[in-house]
Amino acid sequence: MDIQIVEKNNQKIAQIISNTVELKTVQDALDLMANADYQGARSLVLAKENIDPTFFDLSTRLAGDILQKCANYFVKIAIVGDFEEYGSKSLNAFIAECNRGREIFFVPDLETALAKLTSS
């Protein structure tokens, strides 16, 4: 895993670069947030491929637990990917609700992620 710091609009964003699943547990999320914070970033970008698929099954509560930690520690997060494959009405509603907010985003590409994370 590599963490690339991207600067946009005078903000540092930690982009997780990996070919494997890096986010499997709440502790993984806390570790990523701490590592990003150490490098001066208060925002994270992850590809959906870097997240355990159970995250997208809301009945596991993994998504809610991880995203609650992000909110508690004031860390913005953008998850990049195509989420159509999941087809769950509850997940689609969850994604839509997150995207209406200001801290958690499910977006199609890196450019959109950076724009969302750096808007006030």
C-alpha atoms as a PDB file:
ATOM      1  CA  MET A   1       0.000   0.000   0.000  1.00  0.00           C
ATOM      2  CA  ASP A   2       1.129   3.506  -0.793  1.00  0.00           C
ATOM      3  CA  ILE A   3      -0.385   6.746   0.424  1.00  0.00           C
ATOM      4  CA  GLN A   4      -0.048   9.568  -2.056  1.00  0.00           C
ATOM      5  CA  ILE A   5      -0.707  13.066  -0.757  1.00  0.00           C
ATOM      6  CA  VAL A   6      -2.632  15.163  -3.261  1.00  0.00           C
ATOM      7  CA  GLU A   7      -2.910  18.907  -2.720  1.00  0.00           C
ATOM      8  CA  LYS A   8      -5.904  20.780  -4.064  1.00  0.00           C
ATOM      9  CA  ASN A   9      -7.341  24.138  -2.984  1.00  0.00           C
ATOM     10  CA  ASN A  10      -4.708  24.348  -0.219  1.00  0.00           C
ATOM     11  CA  GLN A  11      -5.887  21.057   1.281  1.00  0.00           C
ATOM     12  CA  LYS A  12      -4.022  17.763   1.598  1.00  0.00           C
ATOM     13  CA  ILE A  13      -5.839  14.583   0.669  1.00  0.00           C
ATOM     14  CA  ALA A  14      -4.467  11.088   1.252  1.00  0.00           C
ATOM     15  CA  GLN A  15      -5.085   8.851  -1.742  1.00  0.00           C
ATOM     16  CA  ILE A  16      -4.700   5.171  -0.948  1.00  0.00           C
ATOM     17  CA  ILE A  17      -2.905   3.367  -3.770  1.00  0.00           C
ATOM     18  CA  SER A  18      -3.056  -0.419  -3.548  1.00  0.00           C
ATOM     19  CA  ASN A  19      -3.826  -3.561  -5.510  1.00  0.00           C
ATOM     20  CA  THR A  20      -5.294  -5.284  -2.465  1.00  0.00           C
ATOM     21  CA  VAL A  21      -8.092  -4.842   0.057  1.00  0.00           C
ATOM     22  CA  GLU A  22      -6.816  -2.407   2.686  1.00  0.00           C
ATOM     23  CA  LEU A  23     -10.028  -1.616   4.573  1.00  0.00           C
ATOM     24  CA  LYS A  24     -11.506  -4.688   6.257  1.00  0.00           C
ATOM     25  CA  THR A  25     -12.150  -3.552   9.811  1.00  0.00           C
ATOM     26  CA  VAL A  26     -12.827  -0.457  11.878  1.00  0.00           C
ATOM     27  CA  GLN A  27      -9.235  -0.678  13.122  1.00  0.00           C
ATOM     28  CA  ASP A  28      -7.996  -0.573   9.503  1.00  0.00           C
ATOM     29  CA  ALA A  29      -9.964   2.650   9.039  1.00  0.00           C
ATOM     30  CA  LEU A  30      -8.498   4.151  12.220  1.00  0.00           C
ATOM     31  CA  ASP A  31      -4.997   3.204  11.058  1.00  0.00           C
ATOM     32  CA  LEU A  32      -5.557   4.813   7.646  1.00  0.00           C
ATOM     33  CA  MET A  33      -6.903   7.978   9.273  1.00  0.00           C
ATOM     34  CA  ALA A  34      -3.940   8.158  11.654  1.00  0.00           C
ATOM     35  CA  ASN A  35      -1.450   7.620   8.837  1.00  0.00           C
ATOM     36  CA  ALA A  36      -3.119  10.308   6.720  1.00  0.00           C
ATOM     37  CA  ASP A  37      -3.243  12.716   9.654  1.00  0.00           C
ATOM     38  CA  TYR A  38       0.459  12.119  10.328  1.00  0.00           C
ATOM     39  CA  GLN A  39       1.084  13.286   6.758  1.00  0.00           C
ATOM     40  CA  GLY A  40      -1.109  16.356   7.234  1.00  0.00           C
ATOM     41  CA  ALA A  41      -4.221  15.086   5.428  1.00  0.00           C
ATOM     42  CA  ARG A  42      -7.723  15.217   6.908  1.00  0.00           C
ATOM     43  CA  SER A  43      -9.354  13.577   3.886  1.00  0.00           C
ATOM     44  CA  LEU A  44      -9.063  10.107   2.346  1.00  0.00           C
ATOM     45  CA  VAL A  45      -9.701   8.729  -1.130  1.00  0.00           C
ATOM     46  CA  LEU A  46     -10.078   4.987  -1.587  1.00  0.00           C
ATOM     47  CA  ALA A  47     -11.060   2.898  -4.571  1.00  0.00           C
ATOM     48  CA  LYS A  48     -13.959   0.567  -3.859  1.00  0.00           C
ATOM     49  CA  GLU A  49     -11.616  -2.314  -4.755  1.00  0.00           C
ATOM     50  CA  ASN A  50      -9.544  -1.446  -1.673  1.00  0.00           C
ATOM     51  CA  ILE A  51     -12.542  -2.033   0.588  1.00  0.00           C
ATOM     52  CA  ASP A  52     -13.775  -5.417   1.759  1.00  0.00           C
ATOM     53  CA  PRO A  53     -17.015  -6.287  -0.088  1.00  0.00           C
ATOM     54  CA  THR A  54     -18.819  -6.819   3.235  1.00  0.00           C
ATOM     55  CA  PHE A  55     -18.646  -3.024   3.659  1.00  0.00           C
ATOM     56  CA  PHE A  56     -21.294  -2.741   0.929  1.00  0.00           C
ATOM     57  CA  ASP A  57     -23.642  -5.178   2.708  1.00  0.00           C
ATOM     58  CA  LEU A  58     -25.259  -2.794   5.179  1.00  0.00           C
ATOM     59  CA  SER A  59     -26.465  -5.660   7.375  1.00  0.00           C
ATOM     60  CA  THR A  60     -22.844  -6.229   8.494  1.00  0.00           C
ATOM     61  CA  ARG A  61     -22.790  -2.688   9.971  1.00  0.00           C
ATOM     62  CA  LEU A  62     -19.176  -2.327   8.793  1.00  0.00           C
ATOM     63  CA  ALA A  63     -19.933   0.707   6.611  1.00  0.00           C
ATOM     64  CA  GLY A  64     -21.830   2.463   9.370  1.00  0.00           C
ATOM     65  CA  ASP A  65     -19.162   1.741  11.984  1.00  0.00           C
ATOM     66  CA  ILE A  66     -16.302   2.911   9.761  1.00  0.00           C
ATOM     67  CA  LEU A  67     -18.054   6.010   8.512  1.00  0.00           C
ATOM     68  CA  GLN A  68     -19.067   6.911  12.069  1.00  0.00           C
ATOM     69  CA  LYS A  69     -15.373   6.877  13.024  1.00  0.00           C
ATOM     70  CA  CYS A  70     -14.649   9.209  10.110  1.00  0.00           C
ATOM     71  CA  ALA A  71     -17.345  11.577  11.350  1.00  0.00           C
ATOM     72  CA  ASN A  72     -16.134  11.351  14.965  1.00  0.00           C
ATOM     73  CA  TYR A  73     -12.593  12.293  13.948  1.00  0.00           C
ATOM     74  CA  PHE A  74     -13.663  14.902  11.364  1.00  0.00           C
ATOM     75  CA  VAL A  75     -12.099  13.004   8.465  1.00  0.00           C
ATOM     76  CA  LYS A  76     -13.709  13.342   5.068  1.00  0.00           C
ATOM     77  CA  ILE A  77     -13.730  10.269   2.849  1.00  0.00           C
ATOM     78  CA  ALA A  78     -14.481   9.622  -0.801  1.00  0.00           C
ATOM     79  CA  ILE A  79     -14.922   6.127  -2.160  1.00  0.00           C
ATOM     80  CA  VAL A  80     -14.317   5.906  -5.890  1.00  0.00           C
ATOM     81  CA  GLY A  81     -15.980   3.319  -8.084  1.00  0.00           C
ATOM     82  CA  ASP A  82     -19.067   2.031  -9.826  1.00  0.00           C
ATOM     83  CA  PHE A  83     -21.628   1.002  -7.230  1.00  0.00           C
ATOM     84  CA  GLU A  84     -24.354  -0.103  -9.657  1.00  0.00           C
ATOM     85  CA  GLU A  85     -23.315  -3.752  -9.325  1.00  0.00           C
ATOM     86  CA  TYR A  86     -24.632  -3.992  -5.785  1.00  0.00           C
ATOM     87  CA  GLY A  87     -28.251  -3.299  -6.706  1.00  0.00           C
ATOM     88  CA  SER A  88     -29.385  -3.060  -3.097  1.00  0.00           C
ATOM     89  CA  LYS A  89     -32.108  -0.458  -2.566  1.00  0.00           C
ATOM     90  CA  SER A  90     -30.912   0.185   0.973  1.00  0.00           C
ATOM     91  CA  LEU A  91     -27.304   0.643  -0.187  1.00  0.00           C
ATOM     92  CA  ASN A  92     -28.412   2.968  -2.978  1.00  0.00           C
ATOM     93  CA  ALA A  93     -30.386   5.028  -0.451  1.00  0.00           C
ATOM     94  CA  PHE A  94     -27.387   5.053   1.897  1.00  0.00           C
ATOM     95  CA  ILE A  95     -25.083   6.258  -0.905  1.00  0.00           C
ATOM     96  CA  ALA A  96     -27.554   8.959  -1.936  1.00  0.00           C
ATOM     97  CA  GLU A  97     -27.846  10.174   1.662  1.00  0.00           C
ATOM     98  CA  CYS A  98     -24.058  10.259   2.115  1.00  0.00           C
ATOM     99  CA  ASN A  99     -23.630  12.195  -1.134  1.00  0.00           C
ATOM    100  CA  ARG A 100     -26.048  14.873   0.116  1.00  0.00           C
ATOM    101  CA  GLY A 101     -23.745  15.537   3.064  1.00  0.00           C
ATOM    102  CA  ARG A 102     -20.353  17.181   3.336  1.00  0.00           C
ATOM    103  CA  GLU A 103     -18.085  14.435   4.690  1.00  0.00           C
ATOM    104  CA  ILE A 104     -18.710  11.092   2.992  1.00  0.00           C
ATOM    105  CA  PHE A 105     -18.940  10.624  -0.757  1.00  0.00           C
ATOM    106  CA  PHE A 106     -19.403   7.751  -3.184  1.00  0.00           C
ATOM    107  CA  VAL A 107     -18.147   9.040  -6.530  1.00  0.00           C
ATOM    108  CA  PRO A 108     -17.334   7.691 -10.004  1.00  0.00           C
ATOM    109  CA  ASP A 109     -13.787   9.049 -10.391  1.00  0.00           C
ATOM    110  CA  LEU A 110     -10.816  10.678  -8.684  1.00  0.00           C
ATOM    111  CA  GLU A 111     -11.524  14.118 -10.117  1.00  0.00           C
ATOM    112  CA  THR A 112     -15.010  14.153  -8.582  1.00  0.00           C
ATOM    113  CA  ALA A 113     -13.607  12.845  -5.294  1.00  0.00           C
ATOM    114  CA  LEU A 114     -11.056  15.661  -5.066  1.00  0.00           C
ATOM    115  CA  ALA A 115     -13.694  18.268  -5.946  1.00  0.00           C
ATOM    116  CA  LYS A 116     -16.103  16.986  -3.277  1.00  0.00           C
ATOM    117  CA  LEU A 117     -13.432  16.718  -0.599  1.00  0.00           C
ATOM    118  CA  THR A 118     -12.146  20.243  -1.166  1.00  0.00           C
ATOM    119  CA  SER A 119     -15.473  22.058  -1.439  1.00  0.00           C
ATOM    120  CA  SER A 120     -16.531  23.915   1.691  1.00  0.00           C
END
